PDB file of N, CA and C in Angstrom:
ATOM      1  N   MET A   1     -11.283 -31.060  28.233  1.00  0.00           N
ATOM      2  CA  MET A   1     -10.174 -31.163  29.151  1.00  0.00           C
ATOM      3  C   MET A   1      -9.648 -29.769  29.454  1.00  0.00           C
ATOM      4  N   GLY A   2      -8.944 -29.650  30.578  1.00  0.00           N
ATOM      5  CA  GLY A   2      -8.411 -28.372  31.002  1.00  0.00           C
ATOM      6  C   GLY A   2      -8.188 -28.388  32.499  1.00  0.00           C
ATOM      7  N   LEU A   3      -8.426 -27.246  33.143  1.00  0.00           N
ATOM      8  CA  LEU A   3      -8.254 -27.106  34.587  1.00  0.00           C
ATOM      9  C   LEU A   3      -9.591 -26.766  35.222  1.00  0.00           C
ATOM     10  N   SER A   4      -9.925 -27.504  36.293  1.00  0.00           N
ATOM     11  CA  SER A   4     -11.170 -27.258  37.019  1.00  0.00           C
ATOM     12  C   SER A   4     -10.942 -27.468  38.510  1.00  0.00           C
ATOM     13  N   THR A   5     -11.914 -27.020  39.304  1.00  0.00           N
ATOM     14  CA  THR A   5     -11.881 -27.231  40.748  1.00  0.00           C
ATOM     15  C   THR A   5     -13.294 -27.505  41.240  1.00  0.00           C
ATOM     16  N   HIS A   6     -13.381 -28.077  42.432  1.00  0.00           N
ATOM     17  CA  HIS A   6     -14.659 -28.406  43.061  1.00  0.00           C
ATOM     18  C   HIS A   6     -14.395 -28.447  44.563  1.00  0.00           C
ATOM     19  N   VAL A   7     -15.247 -27.803  45.368  1.00  0.00           N
ATOM     20  CA  VAL A   7     -15.040 -27.773  46.813  1.00  0.00           C
ATOM     21  C   VAL A   7     -16.249 -28.374  47.516  1.00  0.00           C
ATOM     22  N   LEU A   8     -15.950 -29.320  48.409  1.00  0.00           N
ATOM     23  CA  LEU A   8     -16.989 -29.932  49.232  1.00  0.00           C
ATOM     24  C   LEU A   8     -16.761 -29.571  50.693  1.00  0.00           C
ATOM     25  N   ASP A   9     -17.812 -29.144  51.340  1.00  0.00           N
ATOM     26  CA  ASP A   9     -17.831 -28.776  52.755  1.00  0.00           C
ATOM     27  C   ASP A   9     -18.129 -30.054  53.542  1.00  0.00           C
ATOM     28  N   THR A  10     -17.102 -30.619  54.173  1.00  0.00           N
ATOM     29  CA  THR A  10     -17.293 -31.878  54.897  1.00  0.00           C
ATOM     30  C   THR A  10     -17.981 -31.687  56.244  1.00  0.00           C
ATOM     31  N   MET A  11     -18.044 -30.458  56.735  1.00  0.00           N
ATOM     32  CA  MET A  11     -18.761 -30.200  57.988  1.00  0.00           C
ATOM     33  C   MET A  11     -20.272 -30.307  57.770  1.00  0.00           C
ATOM     34  N   HIS A  12     -20.740 -29.742  56.658  1.00  0.00           N
ATOM     35  CA  HIS A  12     -22.173 -29.720  56.377  1.00  0.00           C
ATOM     36  C   HIS A  12     -22.593 -30.794  55.380  1.00  0.00           C
ATOM     37  N   GLY A  13     -21.628 -31.484  54.777  1.00  0.00           N
ATOM     38  CA  GLY A  13     -21.954 -32.590  53.885  1.00  0.00           C
ATOM     39  C   GLY A  13     -22.488 -32.188  52.529  1.00  0.00           C
ATOM     40  N   GLY A  14     -21.909 -31.144  51.933  1.00  0.00           N
ATOM     41  CA  GLY A  14     -22.377 -30.727  50.606  1.00  0.00           C
ATOM     42  C   GLY A  14     -21.396 -29.781  49.953  1.00  0.00           C
ATOM     43  N   PRO A  15     -21.764 -29.254  48.792  1.00  0.00           N
ATOM     44  CA  PRO A  15     -20.894 -28.310  48.091  1.00  0.00           C
ATOM     45  C   PRO A  15     -20.695 -27.024  48.900  1.00  0.00           C
ATOM     46  N   ALA A  16     -19.529 -26.417  48.736  1.00  0.00           N
ATOM     47  CA  ALA A  16     -19.200 -25.160  49.438  1.00  0.00           C
ATOM     48  C   ALA A  16     -19.657 -23.969  48.595  1.00  0.00           C
ATOM     49  N   PHE A  17     -20.962 -23.885  48.358  1.00  0.00           N
ATOM     50  CA  PHE A  17     -21.507 -22.809  47.530  1.00  0.00           C
ATOM     51  C   PHE A  17     -21.230 -21.446  48.164  1.00  0.00           C
ATOM     52  N   GLY A  18     -20.822 -20.510  47.329  1.00  0.00           N
ATOM     53  CA  GLY A  18     -20.542 -19.155  47.788  1.00  0.00           C
ATOM     54  C   GLY A  18     -19.115 -18.917  48.239  1.00  0.00           C
ATOM     55  N   MET A  19     -18.277 -19.961  48.338  1.00  0.00           N
ATOM     56  CA  MET A  19     -16.879 -19.747  48.748  1.00  0.00           C
ATOM     57  C   MET A  19     -16.159 -18.929  47.684  1.00  0.00           C
ATOM     58  N   GLN A  20     -15.349 -17.974  48.148  1.00  0.00           N
ATOM     59  CA  GLN A  20     -14.527 -17.164  47.258  1.00  0.00           C
ATOM     60  C   GLN A  20     -13.237 -17.922  46.947  1.00  0.00           C
ATOM     61  N   VAL A  21     -12.842 -17.913  45.674  1.00  0.00           N
ATOM     62  CA  VAL A  21     -11.641 -18.603  45.219  1.00  0.00           C
ATOM     63  C   VAL A  21     -10.879 -17.667  44.296  1.00  0.00           C
ATOM     64  N   ALA A  22      -9.552 -17.736  44.351  1.00  0.00           N
ATOM     65  CA  ALA A  22      -8.704 -16.986  43.429  1.00  0.00           C
ATOM     66  C   ALA A  22      -7.744 -17.948  42.746  1.00  0.00           C
ATOM     67  N   LEU A  23      -7.544 -17.741  41.458  1.00  0.00           N
ATOM     68  CA  LEU A  23      -6.602 -18.527  40.669  1.00  0.00           C
ATOM     69  C   LEU A  23      -5.435 -17.631  40.283  1.00  0.00           C
ATOM     70  N   TYR A  24      -4.214 -18.133  40.489  1.00  0.00           N
ATOM     71  CA  TYR A  24      -2.993 -17.405  40.153  1.00  0.00           C
ATOM     72  C   TYR A  24      -2.097 -18.277  39.276  1.00  0.00           C
ATOM     73  N   THR A  25      -1.299 -17.640  38.446  1.00  0.00           N
ATOM     74  CA  THR A  25      -0.127 -18.301  37.882  1.00  0.00           C
ATOM     75  C   THR A  25       1.020 -17.919  38.800  1.00  0.00           C
ATOM     76  N   THR A  26       1.994 -18.809  38.939  1.00  0.00           N
ATOM     77  CA  THR A  26       3.122 -18.518  39.832  1.00  0.00           C
ATOM     78  C   THR A  26       4.428 -18.760  39.091  1.00  0.00           C
ATOM     79  N   GLN A  27       5.432 -18.004  39.535  1.00  0.00           N
ATOM     80  CA  GLN A  27       6.780 -18.199  39.018  1.00  0.00           C
ATOM     81  C   GLN A  27       7.731 -17.762  40.114  1.00  0.00           C
ATOM     82  N   GLY A  28       8.519 -18.708  40.612  1.00  0.00           N
ATOM     83  CA  GLY A  28       9.366 -18.410  41.762  1.00  0.00           C
ATOM     84  C   GLY A  28       8.469 -18.064  42.938  1.00  0.00           C
ATOM     85  N   GLY A  29       8.732 -16.948  43.596  1.00  0.00           N
ATOM     86  CA  GLY A  29       7.906 -16.507  44.716  1.00  0.00           C
ATOM     87  C   GLY A  29       6.783 -15.576  44.322  1.00  0.00           C
ATOM     88  N   ALA A  30       6.679 -15.250  43.033  1.00  0.00           N
ATOM     89  CA  ALA A  30       5.676 -14.277  42.584  1.00  0.00           C
ATOM     90  C   ALA A  30       4.413 -14.974  42.087  1.00  0.00           C
ATOM     91  N   ALA A  31       3.275 -14.379  42.395  1.00  0.00           N
ATOM     92  CA  ALA A  31       1.985 -14.889  41.941  1.00  0.00           C
ATOM     93  C   ALA A  31       1.246 -13.778  41.198  1.00  0.00           C
ATOM     94  N   SER A  32       0.650 -14.124  40.062  1.00  0.00           N
ATOM     95  CA  SER A  32      -0.130 -13.168  39.269  1.00  0.00           C
ATOM     96  C   SER A  32      -1.577 -13.637  39.212  1.00  0.00           C
ATOM     97  N   LEU A  33      -2.473 -12.773  39.654  1.00  0.00           N
ATOM     98  CA  LEU A  33      -3.894 -13.107  39.680  1.00  0.00           C
ATOM     99  C   LEU A  33      -4.423 -13.305  38.263  1.00  0.00           C
ATOM    100  N   VAL A  34      -5.102 -14.434  38.050  1.00  0.00           N
ATOM    101  CA  VAL A  34      -5.767 -14.714  36.782  1.00  0.00           C
ATOM    102  C   VAL A  34      -7.238 -14.340  36.894  1.00  0.00           C
ATOM    103  N   LYS A  35      -7.895 -14.814  37.976  1.00  0.00           N
ATOM    104  CA  LYS A  35      -9.308 -14.492  38.177  1.00  0.00           C
ATOM    105  C   LYS A  35      -9.734 -14.816  39.596  1.00  0.00           C
ATOM    106  N   ARG A  36     -10.791 -14.145  40.038  1.00  0.00           N
ATOM    107  CA  ARG A  36     -11.468 -14.445  41.293  1.00  0.00           C
ATOM    108  C   ARG A  36     -12.894 -14.854  40.933  1.00  0.00           C
ATOM    109  N   PHE A  37     -13.434 -15.785  41.710  1.00  0.00           N
ATOM    110  CA  PHE A  37     -14.800 -16.211  41.448  1.00  0.00           C
ATOM    111  C   PHE A  37     -15.413 -16.766  42.729  1.00  0.00           C
ATOM    112  N   LYS A  38     -16.728 -16.860  42.714  1.00  0.00           N
ATOM    113  CA  LYS A  38     -17.490 -17.424  43.826  1.00  0.00           C
ATOM    114  C   LYS A  38     -18.083 -18.738  43.346  1.00  0.00           C
ATOM    115  N   LEU A  39     -17.928 -19.781  44.155  1.00  0.00           N
ATOM    116  CA  LEU A  39     -18.420 -21.101  43.774  1.00  0.00           C
ATOM    117  C   LEU A  39     -19.939 -21.122  43.660  1.00  0.00           C
ATOM    118  N   ASP A  40     -20.428 -21.854  42.672  1.00  0.00           N
ATOM    119  CA  ASP A  40     -21.869 -21.962  42.453  1.00  0.00           C
ATOM    120  C   ASP A  40     -22.502 -22.979  43.411  1.00  0.00           C
ATOM    121  N   ASP A  41     -23.768 -23.278  43.211  1.00  0.00           N
ATOM    122  CA  ASP A  41     -24.510 -24.175  44.108  1.00  0.00           C
ATOM    123  C   ASP A  41     -23.942 -25.590  44.153  1.00  0.00           C
ATOM    124  N   ASP A  42     -23.142 -25.959  43.143  1.00  0.00           N
ATOM    125  CA  ASP A  42     -22.525 -27.282  43.114  1.00  0.00           C
ATOM    126  C   ASP A  42     -21.075 -27.236  43.608  1.00  0.00           C
ATOM    127  N   GLY A  43     -20.626 -26.071  44.113  1.00  0.00           N
ATOM    128  CA  GLY A  43     -19.257 -25.944  44.610  1.00  0.00           C
ATOM    129  C   GLY A  43     -18.219 -25.837  43.503  1.00  0.00           C
ATOM    130  N   ARG A  44     -18.635 -25.358  42.335  1.00  0.00           N
ATOM    131  CA  ARG A  44     -17.744 -25.262  41.177  1.00  0.00           C
ATOM    132  C   ARG A  44     -17.721 -23.834  40.636  1.00  0.00           C
ATOM    133  N   ASN A  45     -16.751 -23.563  39.766  1.00  0.00           N
ATOM    134  CA  ASN A  45     -16.682 -22.276  39.084  1.00  0.00           C
ATOM    135  C   ASN A  45     -17.933 -22.127  38.206  1.00  0.00           C
ATOM    136  N   PRO A  46     -18.688 -21.049  38.366  1.00  0.00           N
ATOM    137  CA  PRO A  46     -19.911 -20.911  37.575  1.00  0.00           C
ATOM    138  C   PRO A  46     -19.653 -20.781  36.072  1.00  0.00           C
ATOM    139  N   ASP A  47     -18.437 -20.421  35.679  1.00  0.00           N
ATOM    140  CA  ASP A  47     -18.097 -20.284  34.260  1.00  0.00           C
ATOM    141  C   ASP A  47     -17.543 -21.574  33.663  1.00  0.00           C
ATOM    142  N   GLY A  48     -17.523 -22.648  34.432  1.00  0.00           N
ATOM    143  CA  GLY A  48     -16.999 -23.925  33.926  1.00  0.00           C
ATOM    144  C   GLY A  48     -15.505 -24.042  34.168  1.00  0.00           C
ATOM    145  N   LEU A  49     -14.781 -24.482  33.162  1.00  0.00           N
ATOM    146  CA  LEU A  49     -13.341 -24.684  33.300  1.00  0.00           C
ATOM    147  C   LEU A  49     -12.630 -23.380  33.651  1.00  0.00           C
ATOM    148  N   LEU A  50     -11.578 -23.491  34.465  1.00  0.00           N
ATOM    149  CA  LEU A  50     -10.734 -22.332  34.768  1.00  0.00           C
ATOM    150  C   LEU A  50      -9.846 -22.008  33.569  1.00  0.00           C
ATOM    151  N   TYR A  51      -9.367 -23.044  32.915  1.00  0.00           N
ATOM    152  CA  TYR A  51      -8.670 -22.953  31.630  1.00  0.00           C
ATOM    153  C   TYR A  51      -9.172 -24.102  30.776  1.00  0.00           C
ATOM    154  N   ASP A  52      -9.447 -23.841  29.498  1.00  0.00           N
ATOM    155  CA  ASP A  52      -9.724 -24.956  28.600  1.00  0.00           C
ATOM    156  C   ASP A  52      -8.390 -25.520  28.119  1.00  0.00           C
ATOM    157  N   SER A  53      -8.430 -26.643  27.422  1.00  0.00           N
ATOM    158  CA  SER A  53      -7.178 -27.306  27.032  1.00  0.00           C
ATOM    159  C   SER A  53      -6.347 -26.453  26.084  1.00  0.00           C
ATOM    160  N   ALA A  54      -6.974 -25.606  25.285  1.00  0.00           N
ATOM    161  CA  ALA A  54      -6.221 -24.750  24.365  1.00  0.00           C
ATOM    162  C   ALA A  54      -5.484 -23.632  25.102  1.00  0.00           C
ATOM    163  N   SER A  55      -6.001 -23.203  26.255  1.00  0.00           N
ATOM    164  CA  SER A  55      -5.404 -22.090  27.005  1.00  0.00           C
ATOM    165  C   SER A  55      -4.456 -22.525  28.112  1.00  0.00           C
ATOM    166  N   LEU A  56      -4.583 -23.766  28.573  1.00  0.00           N
ATOM    167  CA  LEU A  56      -3.761 -24.257  29.676  1.00  0.00           C
ATOM    168  C   LEU A  56      -2.324 -24.444  29.210  1.00  0.00           C
ATOM    169  N   LYS A  57      -1.377 -23.941  29.971  1.00  0.00           N
ATOM    170  CA  LYS A  57       0.041 -23.985  29.624  1.00  0.00           C
ATOM    171  C   LYS A  57       0.842 -24.729  30.686  1.00  0.00           C
ATOM    172  N   VAL A  58       1.980 -25.277  30.287  1.00  0.00           N
ATOM    173  CA  VAL A  58       2.926 -25.858  31.241  1.00  0.00           C
ATOM    174  C   VAL A  58       3.330 -24.751  32.204  1.00  0.00           C
ATOM    175  N   GLY A  59       3.335 -25.054  33.501  1.00  0.00           N
ATOM    176  CA  GLY A  59       3.738 -24.052  34.475  1.00  0.00           C
ATOM    177  C   GLY A  59       3.209 -24.370  35.851  1.00  0.00           C
ATOM    178  N   THR A  60       3.331 -23.397  36.737  1.00  0.00           N
ATOM    179  CA  THR A  60       2.875 -23.569  38.113  1.00  0.00           C
ATOM    180  C   THR A  60       1.739 -22.599  38.398  1.00  0.00           C
ATOM    181  N   TYR A  61       0.844 -23.053  39.250  1.00  0.00           N
ATOM    182  CA  TYR A  61      -0.401 -22.342  39.521  1.00  0.00           C
ATOM    183  C   TYR A  61      -0.719 -22.410  41.010  1.00  0.00           C
ATOM    184  N   ARG A  62      -1.638 -21.560  41.439  1.00  0.00           N
ATOM    185  CA  ARG A  62      -2.123 -21.574  42.820  1.00  0.00           C
ATOM    186  C   ARG A  62      -3.628 -21.332  42.810  1.00  0.00           C
ATOM    187  N   LEU A  63      -4.337 -22.140  43.568  1.00  0.00           N
ATOM    188  CA  LEU A  63      -5.731 -21.882  43.881  1.00  0.00           C
ATOM    189  C   LEU A  63      -5.783 -21.491  45.353  1.00  0.00           C
ATOM    190  N   GLU A  64      -6.431 -20.375  45.647  1.00  0.00           N
ATOM    191  CA  GLU A  64      -6.530 -19.878  47.019  1.00  0.00           C
ATOM    192  C   GLU A  64      -8.008 -19.844  47.400  1.00  0.00           C
ATOM    193  N   PHE A  65      -8.348 -20.582  48.446  1.00  0.00           N
ATOM    194  CA  PHE A  65      -9.727 -20.757  48.884  1.00  0.00           C
ATOM    195  C   PHE A  65      -9.954 -20.003  50.194  1.00  0.00           C
ATOM    196  N   ASP A  66     -10.973 -19.164  50.265  1.00  0.00           N
ATOM    197  CA  ASP A  66     -11.284 -18.392  51.476  1.00  0.00           C
ATOM    198  C   ASP A  66     -12.140 -19.244  52.415  1.00  0.00           C
ATOM    199  N   VAL A  67     -11.468 -20.124  53.133  1.00  0.00           N
ATOM    200  CA  VAL A  67     -12.147 -21.082  54.007  1.00  0.00           C
ATOM    201  C   VAL A  67     -12.817 -20.375  55.187  1.00  0.00           C
ATOM    202  N   ALA A  68     -12.105 -19.501  55.876  1.00  0.00           N
ATOM    203  CA  ALA A  68     -12.691 -18.809  57.038  1.00  0.00           C
ATOM    204  C   ALA A  68     -13.893 -17.964  56.628  1.00  0.00           C
ATOM    205  N   GLY A  69     -13.767 -17.228  55.543  1.00  0.00           N
ATOM    206  CA  GLY A  69     -14.880 -16.404  55.066  1.00  0.00           C
ATOM    207  C   GLY A  69     -16.107 -17.232  54.742  1.00  0.00           C
ATOM    208  N   TYR A  70     -15.874 -18.390  54.139  1.00  0.00           N
ATOM    209  CA  TYR A  70     -16.986 -19.280  53.799  1.00  0.00           C
ATOM    210  C   TYR A  70     -17.701 -19.767  55.052  1.00  0.00           C
ATOM    211  N   PHE A  71     -16.945 -20.289  56.040  1.00  0.00           N
ATOM    212  CA  PHE A  71     -17.596 -20.822  57.236  1.00  0.00           C
ATOM    213  C   PHE A  71     -18.229 -19.714  58.068  1.00  0.00           C
ATOM    214  N   LYS A  72     -17.652 -18.534  58.074  1.00  0.00           N
ATOM    215  CA  LYS A  72     -18.306 -17.403  58.753  1.00  0.00           C
ATOM    216  C   LYS A  72     -19.631 -17.079  58.074  1.00  0.00           C
ATOM    217  N   SER A  73     -19.664 -17.139  56.737  1.00  0.00           N
ATOM    218  CA  SER A  73     -20.909 -16.853  56.018  1.00  0.00           C
ATOM    219  C   SER A  73     -21.980 -17.916  56.309  1.00  0.00           C
ATOM    220  N   ARG A  74     -21.543 -19.108  56.692  1.00  0.00           N
ATOM    221  CA  ARG A  74     -22.471 -20.181  57.079  1.00  0.00           C
ATOM    222  C   ARG A  74     -22.806 -20.100  58.572  1.00  0.00           C
ATOM    223  N   GLN A  75     -22.340 -19.045  59.238  1.00  0.00           N
ATOM    224  CA  GLN A  75     -22.593 -18.763  60.651  1.00  0.00           C
ATOM    225  C   GLN A  75     -22.021 -19.831  61.581  1.00  0.00           C
ATOM    226  N   VAL A  76     -20.865 -20.388  61.177  1.00  0.00           N
ATOM    227  CA  VAL A  76     -20.139 -21.319  62.034  1.00  0.00           C
ATOM    228  C   VAL A  76     -19.316 -20.483  63.007  1.00  0.00           C
ATOM    229  N   LEU A  77     -19.459 -20.749  64.287  1.00  0.00           N
ATOM    230  CA  LEU A  77     -18.693 -20.031  65.296  1.00  0.00           C
ATOM    231  C   LEU A  77     -17.249 -20.506  65.251  1.00  0.00           C
ATOM    232  N   LEU A  78     -16.349 -19.607  64.893  1.00  0.00           N
ATOM    233  CA  LEU A  78     -14.929 -19.937  64.767  1.00  0.00           C
ATOM    234  C   LEU A  78     -14.123 -19.184  65.810  1.00  0.00           C
ATOM    235  N   PRO A  79     -13.049 -19.780  66.304  1.00  0.00           N
ATOM    236  CA  PRO A  79     -12.186 -19.063  67.246  1.00  0.00           C
ATOM    237  C   PRO A  79     -11.413 -17.972  66.508  1.00  0.00           C
ATOM    238  N   GLU A  80     -10.940 -16.999  67.249  1.00  0.00           N
ATOM    239  CA  GLU A  80     -10.087 -15.937  66.680  1.00  0.00           C
ATOM    240  C   GLU A  80      -8.708 -16.066  67.276  1.00  0.00           C
ATOM    241  N   PRO A  81      -7.664 -16.217  66.509  1.00  0.00           N
ATOM    242  CA  PRO A  81      -7.720 -16.335  65.057  1.00  0.00           C
ATOM    243  C   PRO A  81      -8.216 -17.707  64.640  1.00  0.00           C
ATOM    244  N   ASN A  82      -8.719 -17.777  63.409  1.00  0.00           N
ATOM    245  CA  ASN A  82      -9.226 -19.039  62.861  1.00  0.00           C
ATOM    246  C   ASN A  82      -8.083 -20.021  62.679  1.00  0.00           C
ATOM    247  N   PHE A  83      -8.379 -21.304  62.813  1.00  0.00           N
ATOM    248  CA  PHE A  83      -7.360 -22.314  62.545  1.00  0.00           C
ATOM    249  C   PHE A  83      -6.983 -22.282  61.067  1.00  0.00           C
ATOM    250  N   LEU A  84      -7.973 -22.313  60.179  1.00  0.00           N
ATOM    251  CA  LEU A  84      -7.738 -22.167  58.740  1.00  0.00           C
ATOM    252  C   LEU A  84      -8.338 -20.850  58.292  1.00  0.00           C
ATOM    253  N   ASN A  85      -7.587 -20.102  57.535  1.00  0.00           N
ATOM    254  CA  ASN A  85      -8.068 -18.848  56.987  1.00  0.00           C
ATOM    255  C   ASN A  85      -8.160 -19.000  55.472  1.00  0.00           C
ATOM    256  N   LEU A  86      -7.054 -18.760  54.791  1.00  0.00           N
ATOM    257  CA  LEU A  86      -6.959 -19.017  53.356  1.00  0.00           C
ATOM    258  C   LEU A  86      -6.194 -20.308  53.148  1.00  0.00           C
ATOM    259  N   VAL A  87      -6.724 -21.190  52.341  1.00  0.00           N
ATOM    260  CA  VAL A  87      -6.026 -22.423  51.983  1.00  0.00           C
ATOM    261  C   VAL A  87      -5.503 -22.242  50.565  1.00  0.00           C
ATOM    262  N   SER A  88      -4.189 -22.338  50.415  1.00  0.00           N
ATOM    263  CA  SER A  88      -3.549 -22.215  49.107  1.00  0.00           C
ATOM    264  C   SER A  88      -3.057 -23.582  48.662  1.00  0.00           C
ATOM    265  N   VAL A  89      -3.389 -23.926  47.441  1.00  0.00           N
ATOM    266  CA  VAL A  89      -2.919 -25.169  46.839  1.00  0.00           C
ATOM    267  C   VAL A  89      -2.047 -24.782  45.650  1.00  0.00           C
ATOM    268  N   ASP A  90      -0.751 -25.024  45.777  1.00  0.00           N
ATOM    269  CA  ASP A  90       0.197 -24.771  44.698  1.00  0.00           C
ATOM    270  C   ASP A  90       0.406 -26.077  43.944  1.00  0.00           C
ATOM    271  N   PHE A  91       0.337 -26.020  42.630  1.00  0.00           N
ATOM    272  CA  PHE A  91       0.457 -27.241  41.826  1.00  0.00           C
ATOM    273  C   PHE A  91       1.068 -26.907  40.475  1.00  0.00           C
ATOM    274  N   GLY A  92       1.552 -27.941  39.825  1.00  0.00           N
ATOM    275  CA  GLY A  92       2.176 -27.774  38.522  1.00  0.00           C
ATOM    276  C   GLY A  92       1.409 -28.486  37.434  1.00  0.00           C
ATOM    277  N   ILE A  93       1.468 -27.918  36.253  1.00  0.00           N
ATOM    278  CA  ILE A  93       0.883 -28.516  35.056  1.00  0.00           C
ATOM    279  C   ILE A  93       2.042 -28.923  34.150  1.00  0.00           C
ATOM    280  N   ALA A  94       2.231 -30.214  33.987  1.00  0.00           N
ATOM    281  CA  ALA A  94       3.307 -30.725  33.138  1.00  0.00           C
ATOM    282  C   ALA A  94       2.797 -31.129  31.758  1.00  0.00           C
ATOM    283  N   HIS A  95       1.521 -31.536  31.685  1.00  0.00           N
ATOM    284  CA  HIS A  95       0.945 -32.041  30.439  1.00  0.00           C
ATOM    285  C   HIS A  95      -0.388 -31.339  30.178  1.00  0.00           C
ATOM    286  N   PRO A  96      -0.360 -30.134  29.608  1.00  0.00           N
ATOM    287  CA  PRO A  96      -1.594 -29.356  29.461  1.00  0.00           C
ATOM    288  C   PRO A  96      -2.656 -29.990  28.574  1.00  0.00           C
ATOM    289  N   GLU A  97      -2.298 -31.016  27.820  1.00  0.00           N
ATOM    290  CA  GLU A  97      -3.291 -31.711  27.002  1.00  0.00           C
ATOM    291  C   GLU A  97      -4.139 -32.661  27.849  1.00  0.00           C
ATOM    292  N   GLN A  98      -3.727 -32.890  29.093  1.00  0.00           N
ATOM    293  CA  GLN A  98      -4.488 -33.754  29.994  1.00  0.00           C
ATOM    294  C   GLN A  98      -5.464 -32.925  30.829  1.00  0.00           C
ATOM    295  N   ASN A  99      -6.355 -33.616  31.524  1.00  0.00           N
ATOM    296  CA  ASN A  99      -7.300 -32.952  32.422  1.00  0.00           C
ATOM    297  C   ASN A  99      -6.668 -32.805  33.806  1.00  0.00           C
ATOM    298  N   TYR A 100      -6.760 -31.612  34.381  1.00  0.00           N
ATOM    299  CA  TYR A 100      -6.295 -31.350  35.743  1.00  0.00           C
ATOM    300  C   TYR A 100      -7.495 -30.845  36.543  1.00  0.00           C
ATOM    301  N   HIS A 101      -7.926 -31.656  37.496  1.00  0.00           N
ATOM    302  CA  HIS A 101      -9.036 -31.287  38.377  1.00  0.00           C
ATOM    303  C   HIS A 101      -8.475 -31.219  39.791  1.00  0.00           C
ATOM    304  N   VAL A 102      -8.701 -30.083  40.474  1.00  0.00           N
ATOM    305  CA  VAL A 102      -8.159 -29.863  41.818  1.00  0.00           C
ATOM    306  C   VAL A 102      -9.322 -29.731  42.792  1.00  0.00           C
ATOM    307  N   PRO A 103      -9.773 -30.855  43.370  1.00  0.00           N
ATOM    308  CA  PRO A 103     -10.852 -30.793  44.349  1.00  0.00           C
ATOM    309  C   PRO A 103     -10.302 -30.456  45.742  1.00  0.00           C
ATOM    310  N   LEU A 104     -11.155 -29.848  46.549  1.00  0.00           N
ATOM    311  CA  LEU A 104     -10.809 -29.542  47.936  1.00  0.00           C
ATOM    312  C   LEU A 104     -11.933 -30.053  48.816  1.00  0.00           C
ATOM    313  N   LEU A 105     -11.577 -30.867  49.806  1.00  0.00           N
ATOM    314  CA  LEU A 105     -12.509 -31.285  50.851  1.00  0.00           C
ATOM    315  C   LEU A 105     -12.127 -30.497  52.083  1.00  0.00           C
ATOM    316  N   VAL A 106     -13.085 -29.774  52.691  1.00  0.00           N
ATOM    317  CA  VAL A 106     -12.703 -28.820  53.722  1.00  0.00           C
ATOM    318  C   VAL A 106     -13.709 -28.740  54.864  1.00  0.00           C
ATOM    319  N   SER A 107     -13.167 -28.521  56.058  1.00  0.00           N
ATOM    320  CA  SER A 107     -13.944 -28.174  57.244  1.00  0.00           C
ATOM    321  C   SER A 107     -13.207 -26.991  57.879  1.00  0.00           C
ATOM    322  N   PRO A 108     -13.706 -26.419  58.966  1.00  0.00           N
ATOM    323  CA  PRO A 108     -12.963 -25.329  59.603  1.00  0.00           C
ATOM    324  C   PRO A 108     -11.614 -25.763  60.182  1.00  0.00           C
ATOM    325  N   TRP A 109     -11.398 -27.088  60.303  1.00  0.00           N
ATOM    326  CA  TRP A 109     -10.188 -27.579  60.973  1.00  0.00           C
ATOM    327  C   TRP A 109      -9.316 -28.490  60.139  1.00  0.00           C
ATOM    328  N   SER A 110      -9.736 -28.790  58.918  1.00  0.00           N
ATOM    329  CA  SER A 110      -8.932 -29.688  58.089  1.00  0.00           C
ATOM    330  C   SER A 110      -9.272 -29.508  56.614  1.00  0.00           C
ATOM    331  N   TYR A 111      -8.353 -29.959  55.770  1.00  0.00           N
ATOM    332  CA  TYR A 111      -8.612 -30.009  54.337  1.00  0.00           C
ATOM    333  C   TYR A 111      -7.755 -31.078  53.693  1.00  0.00           C
ATOM    334  N   SER A 112      -8.191 -31.527  52.529  1.00  0.00           N
ATOM    335  CA  SER A 112      -7.383 -32.432  51.716  1.00  0.00           C
ATOM    336  C   SER A 112      -7.662 -32.137  50.256  1.00  0.00           C
ATOM    337  N   THR A 113      -6.700 -32.465  49.428  1.00  0.00           N
ATOM    338  CA  THR A 113      -6.828 -32.272  47.997  1.00  0.00           C
ATOM    339  C   THR A 113      -6.071 -33.378  47.287  1.00  0.00           C
ATOM    340  N   TYR A 114      -6.285 -33.481  46.016  1.00  0.00           N
ATOM    341  CA  TYR A 114      -5.612 -34.505  45.205  1.00  0.00           C
ATOM    342  C   TYR A 114      -5.836 -34.104  43.748  1.00  0.00           C
ATOM    343  N   ARG A 115      -5.147 -34.778  42.844  1.00  0.00           N
ATOM    344  CA  ARG A 115      -5.416 -34.552  41.433  1.00  0.00           C
ATOM    345  C   ARG A 115      -6.562 -35.477  41.046  1.00  0.00           C
ATOM    346  N   GLY A 116      -7.689 -34.887  40.765  1.00  0.00           N
ATOM    347  CA  GLY A 116      -8.871 -35.647  40.389  1.00  0.00           C
ATOM    348  C   GLY A 116      -8.947 -35.855  38.886  1.00  0.00           C
ATOM    349  N   SER A 117     -10.014 -36.488  38.463  1.00  0.00           N
ATOM    350  CA  SER A 117     -10.189 -36.757  37.029  1.00  0.00           C
ATOM    351  C   SER A 117     -11.291 -35.894  36.453  1.00  0.00           C
TER     352      SER A 117
END
């Protein structure tokens, strides 16, 4: 158990391999970078969990997904400026002993997320 993410590219119907993602801890308006990573072939962090259950703490966090950069790398013709550039998902961890999975379903024009299992 811990914190994880997974990104699916709904335009192409598969994992968003190669998308750049940043994880932050947040407090008030301030964000502190924890790590940056590139999604693997399955659209996940190549190192596994972002935090394991022993390291995950009560608090607020942000995952920032480089949506425009990803679709440009897939040679999708996007308007300038892009409709979606960086997608930030701010969320809270109230029970760090539980599993928190933050999936993102994304296209150049839409996204959705939820607390997964």
